[in-house]
Amino acid sequence: MEPIGRSGCQRGSPAARSLAQMVYDSHRHRTVLFGGQIFNGSTLAFSPETWEWDGNNWQKITTVNTPTW
């Protein structure tokens, strides 16, 4: 596991966010996180990111299509 950064999040993990969608893919044994709002220092901004958690590590996923939020 990587050290905790100044933001309180593990390096290489998604930023803290609200209103995100999360599902568990039982076939691949992965938790999938999409979207949400991220505080960028002065305002809330929509995040089109997709992340996967395998039980040990987060991985940012590049998708062909980005769902609308």
C-alpha atoms as a PDB file:
ATOM      1  CA  MET A   1       0.000   0.000   0.000  1.00  0.00           C
ATOM      2  CA  GLU A   2       1.316   3.445  -0.878  1.00  0.00           C
ATOM      3  CA  PRO A   3       1.811   6.206   1.690  1.00  0.00           C
ATOM      4  CA  ILE A   4      -0.968   8.646   2.446  1.00  0.00           C
ATOM      5  CA  GLY A   5      -0.584  12.003   0.694  1.00  0.00           C
ATOM      6  CA  ARG A   6      -1.328  15.432   2.108  1.00  0.00           C
ATOM      7  CA  SER A   7      -4.943  15.203   0.910  1.00  0.00           C
ATOM      8  CA  GLY A   8      -5.486  12.126   3.087  1.00  0.00           C
ATOM      9  CA  CYS A   9      -5.897   9.886   0.035  1.00  0.00           C
ATOM     10  CA  GLN A  10      -3.645   7.038  -0.978  1.00  0.00           C
ATOM     11  CA  ARG A  11      -1.416   8.076  -3.901  1.00  0.00           C
ATOM     12  CA  GLY A  12      -2.701   6.587  -7.131  1.00  0.00           C
ATOM     13  CA  SER A  13      -6.286   6.613  -5.884  1.00  0.00           C
ATOM     14  CA  PRO A  14      -9.312   8.662  -6.892  1.00  0.00           C
ATOM     15  CA  ALA A  15      -9.716  12.073  -5.287  1.00  0.00           C
ATOM     16  CA  ALA A  16     -12.369  12.508  -2.627  1.00  0.00           C
ATOM     17  CA  ARG A  17     -15.727  13.158  -4.292  1.00  0.00           C
ATOM     18  CA  SER A  18     -19.453  13.328  -3.748  1.00  0.00           C
ATOM     19  CA  LEU A  19     -22.369  12.094  -5.868  1.00  0.00           C
ATOM     20  CA  ALA A  20     -20.301   9.366  -7.571  1.00  0.00           C
ATOM     21  CA  GLN A  21     -21.730   6.055  -8.789  1.00  0.00           C
ATOM     22  CA  MET A  22     -20.226   2.771  -7.620  1.00  0.00           C
ATOM     23  CA  VAL A  23     -21.037  -0.837  -8.528  1.00  0.00           C
ATOM     24  CA  TYR A  24     -19.495  -4.233  -7.851  1.00  0.00           C
ATOM     25  CA  ASP A  25     -18.664  -6.435 -10.858  1.00  0.00           C
ATOM     26  CA  SER A  26     -19.015  -9.916  -9.360  1.00  0.00           C
ATOM     27  CA  HIS A  27     -17.768 -11.589 -12.550  1.00  0.00           C
ATOM     28  CA  ARG A  28     -14.408  -9.761 -12.456  1.00  0.00           C
ATOM     29  CA  HIS A  29     -14.349  -9.201  -8.675  1.00  0.00           C
ATOM     30  CA  ARG A  30     -13.860  -5.448  -9.076  1.00  0.00           C
ATOM     31  CA  THR A  31     -15.563  -2.395  -7.631  1.00  0.00           C
ATOM     32  CA  VAL A  32     -16.103   0.261 -10.315  1.00  0.00           C
ATOM     33  CA  LEU A  33     -16.331   3.969  -9.453  1.00  0.00           C
ATOM     34  CA  PHE A  34     -17.581   6.541 -11.966  1.00  0.00           C
ATOM     35  CA  GLY A  35     -17.921  10.307 -11.920  1.00  0.00           C
ATOM     36  CA  GLY A  36     -18.897  12.475  -9.009  1.00  0.00           C
ATOM     37  CA  GLN A  37     -18.116  16.015  -8.016  1.00  0.00           C
ATOM     38  CA  ILE A  38     -14.603  17.015  -6.989  1.00  0.00           C
ATOM     39  CA  PHE A  39     -13.697  20.223  -5.157  1.00  0.00           C
ATOM     40  CA  ASN A  40     -10.994  21.840  -7.293  1.00  0.00           C
ATOM     41  CA  GLY A  41      -9.964  24.496  -4.784  1.00  0.00           C
ATOM     42  CA  SER A  42     -12.711  27.044  -5.389  1.00  0.00           C
ATOM     43  CA  THR A  43     -15.704  25.250  -6.938  1.00  0.00           C
ATOM     44  CA  LEU A  44     -17.188  21.796  -7.409  1.00  0.00           C
ATOM     45  CA  ALA A  45     -16.399  20.262 -10.796  1.00  0.00           C
ATOM     46  CA  PHE A  46     -17.776  17.123 -12.454  1.00  0.00           C
ATOM     47  CA  SER A  47     -15.291  14.275 -12.822  1.00  0.00           C
ATOM     48  CA  PRO A  48     -15.697  11.970 -15.865  1.00  0.00           C
ATOM     49  CA  GLU A  49     -13.146   9.500 -14.435  1.00  0.00           C
ATOM     50  CA  THR A  50     -13.670   5.755 -14.095  1.00  0.00           C
ATOM     51  CA  TRP A  51     -11.689   3.837 -11.455  1.00  0.00           C
ATOM     52  CA  GLU A  52     -11.537   0.178 -10.446  1.00  0.00           C
ATOM     53  CA  TRP A  53     -10.673  -1.304  -7.038  1.00  0.00           C
ATOM     54  CA  ASP A  54      -9.419  -4.901  -6.978  1.00  0.00           C
ATOM     55  CA  GLY A  55      -9.409  -5.221  -3.199  1.00  0.00           C
ATOM     56  CA  ASN A  56      -5.830  -3.946  -2.889  1.00  0.00           C
ATOM     57  CA  ASN A  57      -5.234  -1.165  -5.418  1.00  0.00           C
ATOM     58  CA  TRP A  58      -7.056   1.496  -7.386  1.00  0.00           C
ATOM     59  CA  GLN A  59      -6.517   1.746 -11.139  1.00  0.00           C
ATOM     60  CA  LYS A  60      -7.727   4.605 -13.347  1.00  0.00           C
ATOM     61  CA  ILE A  61      -9.535   3.148 -16.361  1.00  0.00           C
ATOM     62  CA  THR A  62      -9.628   4.666 -19.837  1.00  0.00           C
ATOM     63  CA  THR A  63     -12.971   4.067 -21.507  1.00  0.00           C
ATOM     64  CA  VAL A  64     -13.967   4.376 -25.172  1.00  0.00           C
ATOM     65  CA  ASN A  65     -17.200   6.144 -24.253  1.00  0.00           C
ATOM     66  CA  THR A  66     -17.861   8.292 -21.227  1.00  0.00           C
ATOM     67  CA  PRO A  67     -21.389   8.025 -19.829  1.00  0.00           C
ATOM     68  CA  THR A  68     -23.266  11.266 -19.422  1.00  0.00           C
ATOM     69  CA  TRP A  69     -23.763  12.401 -15.887  1.00  0.00           C
END
